PDB file of N, CA and C in Angstrom:
ATOM      1  N   MET A   1       0.855  -1.159   0.000  1.00  0.00           N
ATOM      2  CA  MET A   1       0.000   0.000   0.000  1.00  0.00           C
ATOM      3  C   MET A   1       0.905   1.227   0.000  1.00  0.00           C
ATOM      4  N   ARG A   2       0.589   2.196  -0.854  1.00  0.00           N
ATOM      5  CA  ARG A   2       1.424   3.384  -0.955  1.00  0.00           C
ATOM      6  C   ARG A   2       1.114   4.358   0.171  1.00  0.00           C
ATOM      7  N   GLU A   3       2.099   5.152   0.527  1.00  0.00           N
ATOM      8  CA  GLU A   3       1.942   6.170   1.555  1.00  0.00           C
ATOM      9  C   GLU A   3       1.135   7.334   0.979  1.00  0.00           C
ATOM     10  N   LEU A   4       0.173   7.831   1.738  1.00  0.00           N
ATOM     11  CA  LEU A   4      -0.645   8.951   1.291  1.00  0.00           C
ATOM     12  C   LEU A   4       0.086  10.263   1.477  1.00  0.00           C
ATOM     13  N   LYS A   5      -0.121  11.186   0.550  1.00  0.00           N
ATOM     14  CA  LYS A   5       0.385  12.546   0.712  1.00  0.00           C
ATOM     15  C   LYS A   5      -0.482  13.246   1.744  1.00  0.00           C
ATOM     16  N   CYS A   6       0.044  14.289   2.346  1.00  0.00           N
ATOM     17  CA  CYS A   6      -0.693  15.030   3.364  1.00  0.00           C
ATOM     18  C   CYS A   6      -2.037  15.520   2.830  1.00  0.00           C
ATOM     19  N   SER A   7      -2.047  16.044   1.610  1.00  0.00           N
ATOM     20  CA  SER A   7      -3.300  16.558   1.040  1.00  0.00           C
ATOM     21  C   SER A   7      -4.314  15.441   0.840  1.00  0.00           C
ATOM     22  N   GLU A   8      -3.840  14.236   0.514  1.00  0.00           N
ATOM     23  CA  GLU A   8      -4.746  13.099   0.355  1.00  0.00           C
ATOM     24  C   GLU A   8      -5.316  12.682   1.701  1.00  0.00           C
ATOM     25  N   LYS A   9      -4.511  12.706   2.743  1.00  0.00           N
ATOM     26  CA  LYS A   9      -4.981  12.341   4.075  1.00  0.00           C
ATOM     27  C   LYS A   9      -6.073  13.301   4.528  1.00  0.00           C
ATOM     28  N   ILE A  10      -5.852  14.580   4.302  1.00  0.00           N
ATOM     29  CA  ILE A  10      -6.856  15.574   4.682  1.00  0.00           C
ATOM     30  C   ILE A  10      -8.134  15.341   3.900  1.00  0.00           C
ATOM     31  N   TYR A  11      -8.025  15.069   2.599  1.00  0.00           N
ATOM     32  CA  TYR A  11      -9.204  14.850   1.767  1.00  0.00           C
ATOM     33  C   TYR A  11      -9.979  13.620   2.222  1.00  0.00           C
ATOM     34  N   ILE A  12      -9.255  12.580   2.598  1.00  0.00           N
ATOM     35  CA  ILE A  12      -9.926  11.350   3.023  1.00  0.00           C
ATOM     36  C   ILE A  12     -10.721  11.590   4.297  1.00  0.00           C
ATOM     37  N   HIS A  13     -10.228  12.423   5.188  1.00  0.00           N
ATOM     38  CA  HIS A  13     -10.918  12.646   6.452  1.00  0.00           C
ATOM     39  C   HIS A  13     -12.051  13.660   6.330  1.00  0.00           C
ATOM     40  N   MET A  14     -12.159  14.295   5.205  1.00  0.00           N
ATOM     41  CA  MET A  14     -13.251  15.233   4.972  1.00  0.00           C
ATOM     42  C   MET A  14     -14.129  14.646   3.872  1.00  0.00           C
ATOM     43  N   GLY A  15     -15.330  15.103   3.755  1.00  0.00           N
ATOM     44  CA  GLY A  15     -16.181  14.626   2.677  1.00  0.00           C
ATOM     45  C   GLY A  15     -17.238  13.661   3.160  1.00  0.00           C
ATOM     46  N   ASN A  16     -17.886  13.048   2.192  1.00  0.00           N
ATOM     47  CA  ASN A  16     -18.989  12.153   2.559  1.00  0.00           C
ATOM     48  C   ASN A  16     -18.485  10.742   2.865  1.00  0.00           C
ATOM     49  N   PRO A  17     -19.216  10.005   3.678  1.00  0.00           N
ATOM     50  CA  PRO A  17     -18.774   8.669   4.100  1.00  0.00           C
ATOM     51  C   PRO A  17     -18.582   7.693   2.940  1.00  0.00           C
ATOM     52  N   LYS A  18     -19.419   7.795   1.898  1.00  0.00           N
ATOM     53  CA  LYS A  18     -19.267   6.876   0.764  1.00  0.00           C
ATOM     54  C   LYS A  18     -17.941   7.108   0.052  1.00  0.00           C
ATOM     55  N   MET A  19     -17.588   8.373  -0.165  1.00  0.00           N
ATOM     56  CA  MET A  19     -16.321   8.668  -0.836  1.00  0.00           C
ATOM     57  C   MET A  19     -15.144   8.263   0.046  1.00  0.00           C
ATOM     58  N   ILE A  20     -15.248   8.507   1.332  1.00  0.00           N
ATOM     59  CA  ILE A  20     -14.174   8.107   2.252  1.00  0.00           C
ATOM     60  C   ILE A  20     -13.979   6.598   2.181  1.00  0.00           C
ATOM     61  N   SER A  21     -15.079   5.849   2.233  1.00  0.00           N
ATOM     62  CA  SER A  21     -14.973   4.385   2.167  1.00  0.00           C
ATOM     63  C   SER A  21     -14.454   3.924   0.817  1.00  0.00           C
ATOM     64  N   ALA A  22     -14.926   4.524  -0.259  1.00  0.00           N
ATOM     65  CA  ALA A  22     -14.458   4.131  -1.598  1.00  0.00           C
ATOM     66  C   ALA A  22     -12.955   4.354  -1.723  1.00  0.00           C
ATOM     67  N   ARG A  23     -12.455   5.475  -1.241  1.00  0.00           N
ATOM     68  CA  ARG A  23     -11.020   5.761  -1.297  1.00  0.00           C
ATOM     69  C   ARG A  23     -10.229   4.796  -0.417  1.00  0.00           C
ATOM     70  N   THR A  24     -10.753   4.501   0.750  1.00  0.00           N
ATOM     71  CA  THR A  24     -10.071   3.577   1.652  1.00  0.00           C
ATOM     72  C   THR A  24     -10.049   2.167   1.065  1.00  0.00           C
ATOM     73  N   VAL A  25     -11.175   1.740   0.521  1.00  0.00           N
ATOM     74  CA  VAL A  25     -11.244   0.421  -0.121  1.00  0.00           C
ATOM     75  C   VAL A  25     -10.244   0.351  -1.278  1.00  0.00           C
ATOM     76  N   LEU A  26     -10.151   1.403  -2.032  1.00  0.00           N
ATOM     77  CA  LEU A  26      -9.200   1.451  -3.145  1.00  0.00           C
ATOM     78  C   LEU A  26      -7.775   1.258  -2.647  1.00  0.00           C
ATOM     79  N   LEU A  27      -7.433   1.904  -1.551  1.00  0.00           N
ATOM     80  CA  LEU A  27      -6.074   1.798  -1.008  1.00  0.00           C
ATOM     81  C   LEU A  27      -5.815   0.441  -0.360  1.00  0.00           C
ATOM     82  N   GLU A  28      -6.795  -0.097   0.363  1.00  0.00           N
ATOM     83  CA  GLU A  28      -6.587  -1.336   1.109  1.00  0.00           C
ATOM     84  C   GLU A  28      -6.810  -2.603   0.290  1.00  0.00           C
ATOM     85  N   CYS A  29      -7.737  -2.549  -0.652  1.00  0.00           N
ATOM     86  CA  CYS A  29      -8.199  -3.779  -1.298  1.00  0.00           C
ATOM     87  C   CYS A  29      -7.718  -3.961  -2.733  1.00  0.00           C
ATOM     88  N   PHE A  30      -7.193  -2.930  -3.317  1.00  0.00           N
ATOM     89  CA  PHE A  30      -6.689  -3.017  -4.690  1.00  0.00           C
ATOM     90  C   PHE A  30      -5.215  -2.680  -4.677  1.00  0.00           C
ATOM     91  N   TRP A  31      -4.411  -3.553  -5.211  1.00  0.00           N
ATOM     92  CA  TRP A  31      -2.965  -3.371  -5.197  1.00  0.00           C
ATOM     93  C   TRP A  31      -2.462  -3.085  -6.602  1.00  0.00           C
ATOM     94  N   LYS A  32      -3.080  -2.096  -7.209  1.00  0.00           N
ATOM     95  CA  LYS A  32      -2.742  -1.669  -8.572  1.00  0.00           C
ATOM     96  C   LYS A  32      -2.939  -2.794  -9.584  1.00  0.00           C
ATOM     97  N   ASP A  33      -3.778  -3.771  -9.229  1.00  0.00           N
ATOM     98  CA  ASP A  33      -4.076  -4.843 -10.173  1.00  0.00           C
ATOM     99  C   ASP A  33      -5.276  -4.490 -11.046  1.00  0.00           C
ATOM    100  N   TYR A  34      -5.964  -3.397 -10.715  1.00  0.00           N
ATOM    101  CA  TYR A  34      -7.078  -2.896 -11.521  1.00  0.00           C
ATOM    102  C   TYR A  34      -6.922  -1.392 -11.660  1.00  0.00           C
ATOM    103  N   GLN A  35      -7.313  -0.871 -12.801  1.00  0.00           N
ATOM    104  CA  GLN A  35      -7.315   0.568 -13.013  1.00  0.00           C
ATOM    105  C   GLN A  35      -8.717   1.078 -12.721  1.00  0.00           C
ATOM    106  N   ILE A  36      -8.935   1.520 -11.487  1.00  0.00           N
ATOM    107  CA  ILE A  36     -10.252   1.978 -11.064  1.00  0.00           C
ATOM    108  C   ILE A  36     -10.058   3.109 -10.060  1.00  0.00           C
ATOM    109  N   SER A  37     -10.973   4.042 -10.060  1.00  0.00           N
ATOM    110  CA  SER A  37     -10.900   5.163  -9.123  1.00  0.00           C
ATOM    111  C   SER A  37     -12.037   5.045  -8.106  1.00  0.00           C
ATOM    112  N   ALA A  38     -11.933   5.812  -7.043  1.00  0.00           N
ATOM    113  CA  ALA A  38     -12.994   5.835  -6.035  1.00  0.00           C
ATOM    114  C   ALA A  38     -14.294   6.334  -6.651  1.00  0.00           C
ATOM    115  N   GLU A  39     -14.191   7.329  -7.504  1.00  0.00           N
ATOM    116  CA  GLU A  39     -15.373   7.870  -8.176  1.00  0.00           C
ATOM    117  C   GLU A  39     -16.034   6.811  -9.049  1.00  0.00           C
ATOM    118  N   GLU A  40     -15.212   6.013  -9.727  1.00  0.00           N
ATOM    119  CA  GLU A  40     -15.756   4.954 -10.573  1.00  0.00           C
ATOM    120  C   GLU A  40     -16.418   3.860  -9.737  1.00  0.00           C
ATOM    121  N   ILE A  41     -15.832   3.548  -8.597  1.00  0.00           N
ATOM    122  CA  ILE A  41     -16.461   2.564  -7.702  1.00  0.00           C
ATOM    123  C   ILE A  41     -17.862   3.026  -7.334  1.00  0.00           C
ATOM    124  N   LEU A  42     -17.982   4.280  -6.895  1.00  0.00           N
ATOM    125  CA  LEU A  42     -19.293   4.804  -6.495  1.00  0.00           C
ATOM    126  C   LEU A  42     -20.264   4.853  -7.663  1.00  0.00           C
ATOM    127  N   SER A  43     -19.775   5.262  -8.815  1.00  0.00           N
ATOM    128  CA  SER A  43     -20.627   5.334 -10.009  1.00  0.00           C
ATOM    129  C   SER A  43     -21.133   3.951 -10.409  1.00  0.00           C
ATOM    130  N   ARG A  44     -20.244   2.978 -10.414  1.00  0.00           N
ATOM    131  CA  ARG A  44     -20.629   1.618 -10.807  1.00  0.00           C
ATOM    132  C   ARG A  44     -21.553   0.973  -9.777  1.00  0.00           C
ATOM    133  N   LEU A  45     -21.345   1.272  -8.494  1.00  0.00           N
ATOM    134  CA  LEU A  45     -22.254   0.751  -7.469  1.00  0.00           C
ATOM    135  C   LEU A  45     -23.649   1.340  -7.634  1.00  0.00           C
ATOM    136  N   ALA A  46     -23.725   2.584  -8.054  1.00  0.00           N
ATOM    137  CA  ALA A  46     -25.025   3.241  -8.259  1.00  0.00           C
ATOM    138  C   ALA A  46     -25.779   2.645  -9.448  1.00  0.00           C
ATOM    139  N   GLU A  47     -25.073   1.991 -10.361  1.00  0.00           N
ATOM    140  CA  GLU A  47     -25.701   1.386 -11.548  1.00  0.00           C
ATOM    141  C   GLU A  47     -26.424   0.081 -11.222  1.00  0.00           C
ATOM    142  N   ASN A  48     -26.247  -0.431 -10.023  1.00  0.00           N
ATOM    143  CA  ASN A  48     -26.882  -1.693  -9.607  1.00  0.00           C
ATOM    144  C   ASN A  48     -26.506  -2.861 -10.512  1.00  0.00           C
ATOM    145  N   ASP A  49     -25.222  -2.973 -10.790  1.00  0.00           N
ATOM    146  CA  ASP A  49     -24.688  -4.098 -11.560  1.00  0.00           C
ATOM    147  C   ASP A  49     -24.345  -5.215 -10.568  1.00  0.00           C
ATOM    148  N   PRO A  50     -25.129  -6.307 -10.554  1.00  0.00           N
ATOM    149  CA  PRO A  50     -24.904  -7.368  -9.561  1.00  0.00           C
ATOM    150  C   PRO A  50     -23.489  -7.944  -9.593  1.00  0.00           C
ATOM    151  N   GLY A  51     -22.918  -8.084 -10.761  1.00  0.00           N
ATOM    152  CA  GLY A  51     -21.564  -8.625 -10.862  1.00  0.00           C
ATOM    153  C   GLY A  51     -20.536  -7.714 -10.221  1.00  0.00           C
ATOM    154  N   PHE A  52     -20.644  -6.417 -10.474  1.00  0.00           N
ATOM    155  CA  PHE A  52     -19.722  -5.464  -9.878  1.00  0.00           C
ATOM    156  C   PHE A  52     -19.951  -5.381  -8.368  1.00  0.00           C
ATOM    157  N   ASP A  53     -21.208  -5.409  -7.945  1.00  0.00           N
ATOM    158  CA  ASP A  53     -21.518  -5.396  -6.510  1.00  0.00           C
ATOM    159  C   ASP A  53     -20.840  -6.563  -5.800  1.00  0.00           C
ATOM    160  N   ARG A  54     -20.953  -7.756  -6.375  1.00  0.00           N
ATOM    161  CA  ARG A  54     -20.324  -8.944  -5.778  1.00  0.00           C
ATOM    162  C   ARG A  54     -18.798  -8.803  -5.756  1.00  0.00           C
ATOM    163  N   PHE A  55     -18.240  -8.251  -6.829  1.00  0.00           N
ATOM    164  CA  PHE A  55     -16.797  -8.060  -6.934  1.00  0.00           C
ATOM    165  C   PHE A  55     -16.290  -7.144  -5.819  1.00  0.00           C
ATOM    166  N   ILE A  56     -16.907  -5.970  -5.673  1.00  0.00           N
ATOM    167  CA  ILE A  56     -16.481  -5.017  -4.643  1.00  0.00           C
ATOM    168  C   ILE A  56     -16.723  -5.594  -3.248  1.00  0.00           C
ATOM    169  N   PHE A  57     -17.872  -6.227  -3.058  1.00  0.00           N
ATOM    170  CA  PHE A  57     -18.191  -6.831  -1.766  1.00  0.00           C
ATOM    171  C   PHE A  57     -17.113  -7.844  -1.377  1.00  0.00           C
ATOM    172  N   SER A  58     -16.731  -8.705  -2.298  1.00  0.00           N
ATOM    173  CA  SER A  58     -15.728  -9.726  -1.977  1.00  0.00           C
ATOM    174  C   SER A  58     -14.369  -9.099  -1.718  1.00  0.00           C
ATOM    175  N   LYS A  59     -13.995  -8.066  -2.468  1.00  0.00           N
ATOM    176  CA  LYS A  59     -12.730  -7.370  -2.228  1.00  0.00           C
ATOM    177  C   LYS A  59     -12.703  -6.796  -0.813  1.00  0.00           C
ATOM    178  N   ILE A  60     -13.823  -6.211  -0.392  1.00  0.00           N
ATOM    179  CA  ILE A  60     -13.901  -5.621   0.940  1.00  0.00           C
ATOM    180  C   ILE A  60     -13.820  -6.704   2.008  1.00  0.00           C
ATOM    181  N   VAL A  61     -14.610  -7.764   1.863  1.00  0.00           N
ATOM    182  CA  VAL A  61     -14.626  -8.836   2.870  1.00  0.00           C
ATOM    183  C   VAL A  61     -13.237  -9.459   3.013  1.00  0.00           C
ATOM    184  N   GLU A  62     -12.571  -9.678   1.913  1.00  0.00           N
ATOM    185  CA  GLU A  62     -11.286 -10.386   1.949  1.00  0.00           C
ATOM    186  C   GLU A  62     -10.107  -9.503   2.343  1.00  0.00           C
ATOM    187  N   ASN A  63     -10.172  -8.198   2.068  1.00  0.00           N
ATOM    188  CA  ASN A  63      -8.960  -7.383   2.197  1.00  0.00           C
ATOM    189  C   ASN A  63      -9.051  -6.153   3.085  1.00  0.00           C
ATOM    190  N   SER A  64     -10.229  -5.698   3.414  1.00  0.00           N
ATOM    191  CA  SER A  64     -10.357  -4.452   4.161  1.00  0.00           C
ATOM    192  C   SER A  64     -10.012  -4.628   5.637  1.00  0.00           C
ATOM    193  N   SER A  65      -9.431  -3.582   6.222  1.00  0.00           N
ATOM    194  CA  SER A  65      -9.163  -3.585   7.658  1.00  0.00           C
ATOM    195  C   SER A  65     -10.449  -3.471   8.461  1.00  0.00           C
ATOM    196  N   TYR A  66     -11.448  -2.807   7.884  1.00  0.00           N
ATOM    197  CA  TYR A  66     -12.737  -2.614   8.554  1.00  0.00           C
ATOM    198  C   TYR A  66     -13.866  -2.950   7.581  1.00  0.00           C
ATOM    199  N   PRO A  67     -14.046  -4.229   7.268  1.00  0.00           N
ATOM    200  CA  PRO A  67     -15.028  -4.586   6.236  1.00  0.00           C
ATOM    201  C   PRO A  67     -16.456  -4.167   6.560  1.00  0.00           C
ATOM    202  N   SER A  68     -16.881  -4.324   7.796  1.00  0.00           N
ATOM    203  CA  SER A  68     -18.264  -3.969   8.139  1.00  0.00           C
ATOM    204  C   SER A  68     -18.520  -2.482   7.920  1.00  0.00           C
ATOM    205  N   ARG A  69     -17.575  -1.652   8.304  1.00  0.00           N
ATOM    206  CA  ARG A  69     -17.719  -0.202   8.132  1.00  0.00           C
ATOM    207  C   ARG A  69     -17.892   0.161   6.659  1.00  0.00           C
ATOM    208  N   HIS A  70     -17.061  -0.415   5.812  1.00  0.00           N
ATOM    209  CA  HIS A  70     -17.095  -0.049   4.395  1.00  0.00           C
ATOM    210  C   HIS A  70     -18.295  -0.654   3.671  1.00  0.00           C
ATOM    211  N   ILE A  71     -18.687  -1.840   4.065  1.00  0.00           N
ATOM    212  CA  ILE A  71     -19.888  -2.436   3.469  1.00  0.00           C
ATOM    213  C   ILE A  71     -21.106  -1.590   3.818  1.00  0.00           C
ATOM    214  N   ARG A  72     -21.213  -1.194   5.076  1.00  0.00           N
ATOM    215  CA  ARG A  72     -22.347  -0.351   5.486  1.00  0.00           C
ATOM    216  C   ARG A  72     -22.342   1.000   4.776  1.00  0.00           C
ATOM    217  N   ALA A  73     -21.162   1.557   4.561  1.00  0.00           N
ATOM    218  CA  ALA A  73     -21.072   2.869   3.915  1.00  0.00           C
ATOM    219  C   ALA A  73     -21.399   2.800   2.425  1.00  0.00           C
ATOM    220  N   LEU A  74     -20.990   1.733   1.766  1.00  0.00           N
ATOM    221  CA  LEU A  74     -21.127   1.659   0.312  1.00  0.00           C
ATOM    222  C   LEU A  74     -22.404   0.976  -0.161  1.00  0.00           C
ATOM    223  N   PHE A  75     -23.004   0.145   0.683  1.00  0.00           N
ATOM    224  CA  PHE A  75     -24.189  -0.616   0.286  1.00  0.00           C
ATOM    225  C   PHE A  75     -25.332  -0.335   1.253  1.00  0.00           C
ATOM    226  N   GLU A  76     -26.526  -0.218   0.727  1.00  0.00           N
ATOM    227  CA  GLU A  76     -27.721  -0.128   1.559  1.00  0.00           C
ATOM    228  C   GLU A  76     -28.010  -1.528   2.121  1.00  0.00           C
ATOM    229  N   PRO A  77     -28.703  -1.608   3.277  1.00  0.00           N
ATOM    230  CA  PRO A  77     -28.978  -2.935   3.864  1.00  0.00           C
ATOM    231  C   PRO A  77     -29.683  -3.894   2.905  1.00  0.00           C
ATOM    232  N   GLU A  78     -30.622  -3.397   2.105  1.00  0.00           N
ATOM    233  CA  GLU A  78     -31.321  -4.293   1.177  1.00  0.00           C
ATOM    234  C   GLU A  78     -30.394  -4.812   0.077  1.00  0.00           C
ATOM    235  N   LYS A  79     -29.221  -4.193  -0.057  1.00  0.00           N
ATOM    236  CA  LYS A  79     -28.250  -4.646  -1.039  1.00  0.00           C
ATOM    237  C   LYS A  79     -27.178  -5.538  -0.403  1.00  0.00           C
ATOM    238  N   TRP A  80     -26.689  -5.161   0.791  1.00  0.00           N
ATOM    239  CA  TRP A  80     -25.614  -5.951   1.383  1.00  0.00           C
ATOM    240  C   TRP A  80     -26.107  -7.255   2.001  1.00  0.00           C
ATOM    241  N   GLN A  81     -27.348  -7.296   2.460  1.00  0.00           N
ATOM    242  CA  GLN A  81     -27.836  -8.531   3.087  1.00  0.00           C
ATOM    243  C   GLN A  81     -27.849  -9.711   2.103  1.00  0.00           C
ATOM    244  N   PRO A  82     -28.413  -9.550   0.896  1.00  0.00           N
ATOM    245  CA  PRO A  82     -28.341 -10.674  -0.053  1.00  0.00           C
ATOM    246  C   PRO A  82     -26.913 -10.997  -0.490  1.00  0.00           C
ATOM    247  N   LEU A  83     -26.069  -9.968  -0.585  1.00  0.00           N
ATOM    248  CA  LEU A  83     -24.667 -10.216  -0.942  1.00  0.00           C
ATOM    249  C   LEU A  83     -23.982 -11.035   0.151  1.00  0.00           C
ATOM    250  N   LEU A  84     -24.250 -10.704   1.399  1.00  0.00           N
ATOM    251  CA  LEU A  84     -23.665 -11.446   2.509  1.00  0.00           C
ATOM    252  C   LEU A  84     -24.190 -12.875   2.540  1.00  0.00           C
ATOM    253  N   ASP A  85     -25.497 -13.035   2.362  1.00  0.00           N
ATOM    254  CA  ASP A  85     -26.078 -14.387   2.332  1.00  0.00           C
ATOM    255  C   ASP A  85     -25.430 -15.234   1.244  1.00  0.00           C
ATOM    256  N   ARG A  86     -25.298 -14.670   0.069  1.00  0.00           N
ATOM    257  CA  ARG A  86     -24.695 -15.402  -1.047  1.00  0.00           C
ATOM    258  C   ARG A  86     -23.231 -15.740  -0.744  1.00  0.00           C
ATOM    259  N   TYR A  87     -22.513 -14.770  -0.208  1.00  0.00           N
ATOM    260  CA  TYR A  87     -21.095 -14.983   0.097  1.00  0.00           C
ATOM    261  C   TYR A  87     -20.924 -16.047   1.176  1.00  0.00           C
ATOM    262  N   MET A  88     -21.823 -16.052   2.151  1.00  0.00           N
ATOM    263  CA  MET A  88     -21.748 -17.066   3.207  1.00  0.00           C
ATOM    264  C   MET A  88     -21.977 -18.468   2.636  1.00  0.00           C
ATOM    265  N   LYS A  89     -22.829 -18.570   1.639  1.00  0.00           N
ATOM    266  CA  LYS A  89     -23.123 -19.877   1.041  1.00  0.00           C
ATOM    267  C   LYS A  89     -22.027 -20.337   0.092  1.00  0.00           C
ATOM    268  N   THR A  90     -21.421 -19.402  -0.637  1.00  0.00           N
ATOM    269  CA  THR A  90     -20.461 -19.786  -1.669  1.00  0.00           C
ATOM    270  C   THR A  90     -19.017 -19.512  -1.282  1.00  0.00           C
ATOM    271  N   GLY A  91     -18.796 -18.641  -0.289  1.00  0.00           N
ATOM    272  CA  GLY A  91     -17.438 -18.277   0.106  1.00  0.00           C
ATOM    273  C   GLY A  91     -16.817 -19.327   0.997  1.00  0.00           C
ATOM    274  N   ARG A  92     -15.550 -19.122   1.243  1.00  0.00           N
ATOM    275  CA  ARG A  92     -14.852 -20.013   2.166  1.00  0.00           C
ATOM    276  C   ARG A  92     -15.380 -19.785   3.576  1.00  0.00           C
ATOM    277  N   ASP A  93     -15.468 -20.830   4.345  1.00  0.00           N
ATOM    278  CA  ASP A  93     -15.953 -20.732   5.721  1.00  0.00           C
ATOM    279  C   ASP A  93     -14.772 -20.352   6.609  1.00  0.00           C
ATOM    280  N   THR A  94     -14.516 -19.050   6.721  1.00  0.00           N
ATOM    281  CA  THR A  94     -13.386 -18.575   7.499  1.00  0.00           C
ATOM    282  C   THR A  94     -13.873 -17.823   8.735  1.00  0.00           C
ATOM    283  N   LYS A  95     -13.009 -17.740   9.728  1.00  0.00           N
ATOM    284  CA  LYS A  95     -13.343 -16.971  10.923  1.00  0.00           C
ATOM    285  C   LYS A  95     -13.630 -15.518  10.558  1.00  0.00           C
ATOM    286  N   ARG A  96     -12.833 -14.993   9.640  1.00  0.00           N
ATOM    287  CA  ARG A  96     -13.006 -13.596   9.227  1.00  0.00           C
ATOM    288  C   ARG A  96     -14.397 -13.368   8.652  1.00  0.00           C
ATOM    289  N   LEU A  97     -14.825 -14.228   7.761  1.00  0.00           N
ATOM    290  CA  LEU A  97     -16.142 -14.087   7.136  1.00  0.00           C
ATOM    291  C   LEU A  97     -17.247 -14.212   8.183  1.00  0.00           C
ATOM    292  N   ARG A  98     -17.119 -15.177   9.082  1.00  0.00           N
ATOM    293  CA  ARG A  98     -18.134 -15.339  10.119  1.00  0.00           C
ATOM    294  C   ARG A  98     -18.177 -14.129  11.053  1.00  0.00           C
ATOM    295  N   LEU A  99     -17.015 -13.549  11.342  1.00  0.00           N
ATOM    296  CA  LEU A  99     -16.971 -12.365  12.194  1.00  0.00           C
ATOM    297  C   LEU A  99     -17.622 -11.167  11.497  1.00  0.00           C
ATOM    298  N   VAL A 100     -17.347 -10.983  10.221  1.00  0.00           N
ATOM    299  CA  VAL A 100     -17.995  -9.911   9.454  1.00  0.00           C
ATOM    300  C   VAL A 100     -19.507 -10.118   9.464  1.00  0.00           C
ATOM    301  N   ALA A 101     -19.942 -11.341   9.198  1.00  0.00           N
ATOM    302  CA  ALA A 101     -21.383 -11.635   9.166  1.00  0.00           C
ATOM    303  C   ALA A 101     -22.024 -11.394  10.532  1.00  0.00           C
ATOM    304  N   ALA A 102     -21.352 -11.814  11.601  1.00  0.00           N
ATOM    305  CA  ALA A 102     -21.895 -11.600  12.945  1.00  0.00           C
ATOM    306  C   ALA A 102     -22.007 -10.105  13.241  1.00  0.00           C
ATOM    307  N   ASN A 103     -21.010  -9.347  12.857  1.00  0.00           N
ATOM    308  CA  ASN A 103     -21.019  -7.907  13.091  1.00  0.00           C
ATOM    309  C   ASN A 103     -22.102  -7.217  12.264  1.00  0.00           C
ATOM    310  N   MET A 104     -22.278  -7.636  11.040  1.00  0.00           N
ATOM    311  CA  MET A 104     -23.246  -6.997  10.156  1.00  0.00           C
ATOM    312  C   MET A 104     -24.684  -7.342  10.555  1.00  0.00           C
ATOM    313  N   THR A 105     -24.912  -8.569  10.964  1.00  0.00           N
ATOM    314  CA  THR A 105     -26.280  -9.022  11.227  1.00  0.00           C
ATOM    315  C   THR A 105     -26.679  -8.968  12.700  1.00  0.00           C
ATOM    316  N   GLY A 106     -25.684  -8.892  13.567  1.00  0.00           N
ATOM    317  CA  GLY A 106     -25.974  -8.941  14.996  1.00  0.00           C
ATOM    318  C   GLY A 106     -26.147 -10.365  15.515  1.00  0.00           C
ATOM    319  N   ASN A 107     -25.995 -11.354  14.651  1.00  0.00           N
ATOM    320  CA  ASN A 107     -26.119 -12.758  15.046  1.00  0.00           C
ATOM    321  C   ASN A 107     -24.766 -13.252  15.546  1.00  0.00           C
ATOM    322  N   ARG A 108     -24.551 -13.136  16.842  1.00  0.00           N
ATOM    323  CA  ARG A 108     -23.255 -13.497  17.435  1.00  0.00           C
ATOM    324  C   ARG A 108     -22.978 -14.995  17.369  1.00  0.00           C
ATOM    325  N   ASP A 109     -23.998 -15.800  17.129  1.00  0.00           N
ATOM    326  CA  ASP A 109     -23.795 -17.251  17.014  1.00  0.00           C
ATOM    327  C   ASP A 109     -22.952 -17.612  15.792  1.00  0.00           C
ATOM    328  N   LEU A 110     -22.845 -16.700  14.841  1.00  0.00           N
ATOM    329  CA  LEU A 110     -22.035 -16.968  13.651  1.00  0.00           C
ATOM    330  C   LEU A 110     -20.539 -16.985  13.968  1.00  0.00           C
ATOM    331  N   ALA A 111     -20.155 -16.340  15.051  1.00  0.00           N
ATOM    332  CA  ALA A 111     -18.734 -16.265  15.418  1.00  0.00           C
ATOM    333  C   ALA A 111     -18.560 -16.637  16.885  1.00  0.00           C
ATOM    334  N   LYS A 112     -18.990 -17.828  17.231  1.00  0.00           N
ATOM    335  CA  LYS A 112     -18.938 -18.276  18.626  1.00  0.00           C
ATOM    336  C   LYS A 112     -17.518 -18.311  19.181  1.00  0.00           C
ATOM    337  N   GLU A 113     -16.533 -18.521  18.304  1.00  0.00           N
ATOM    338  CA  GLU A 113     -15.150 -18.605  18.785  1.00  0.00           C
ATOM    339  C   GLU A 113     -14.641 -17.273  19.346  1.00  0.00           C
ATOM    340  N   TYR A 114     -15.374 -16.183  19.099  1.00  0.00           N
ATOM    341  CA  TYR A 114     -15.000 -14.879  19.627  1.00  0.00           C
ATOM    342  C   TYR A 114     -15.798 -14.488  20.865  1.00  0.00           C
ATOM    343  N   ALA A 115     -16.670 -15.368  21.321  1.00  0.00           N
ATOM    344  CA  ALA A 115     -17.505 -15.070  22.491  1.00  0.00           C
ATOM    345  C   ALA A 115     -16.670 -15.107  23.763  1.00  0.00           C
ATOM    346  N   TRP A 116     -17.092 -14.329  24.753  1.00  0.00           N
ATOM    347  CA  TRP A 116     -16.446 -14.356  26.059  1.00  0.00           C
ATOM    348  C   TRP A 116     -16.671 -15.739  26.674  1.00  0.00           C
ATOM    349  N   ARG A 117     -15.651 -16.252  27.263  1.00  0.00           N
ATOM    350  CA  ARG A 117     -15.789 -17.531  27.956  1.00  0.00           C
ATOM    351  C   ARG A 117     -16.338 -17.259  29.345  1.00  0.00           C
ATOM    352  N   THR A 118     -17.301 -18.073  29.730  1.00  0.00           N
ATOM    353  CA  THR A 118     -17.904 -17.868  31.057  1.00  0.00           C
ATOM    354  C   THR A 118     -17.579 -18.997  31.994  1.00  0.00           C
TER     355      THR A 118
END
């Protein structure tokens, strides 16, 4: 991940939450393997392209430092819930995925290994 310039850091901390998340996702989840901008991410998400939605969702789940935050910022609940359901059925059964799902849905039973021991 490249180091941000001071002006970029200031820009990221100002502005709307969707743009902040799109820029953060771009930095954390894409390693210059795709030519895409934060603006393009937001534009393509607004087009309701299911394939692109799944692509961005999976990039966030697999690579983001704060996947729940960015999923909530970039997707409406009626959009992220089916994406999460599909990913849970077809994705790898990992602790990370179960923790994201538990955090997003409030169903703590999905990540029992993180529960307080009594």
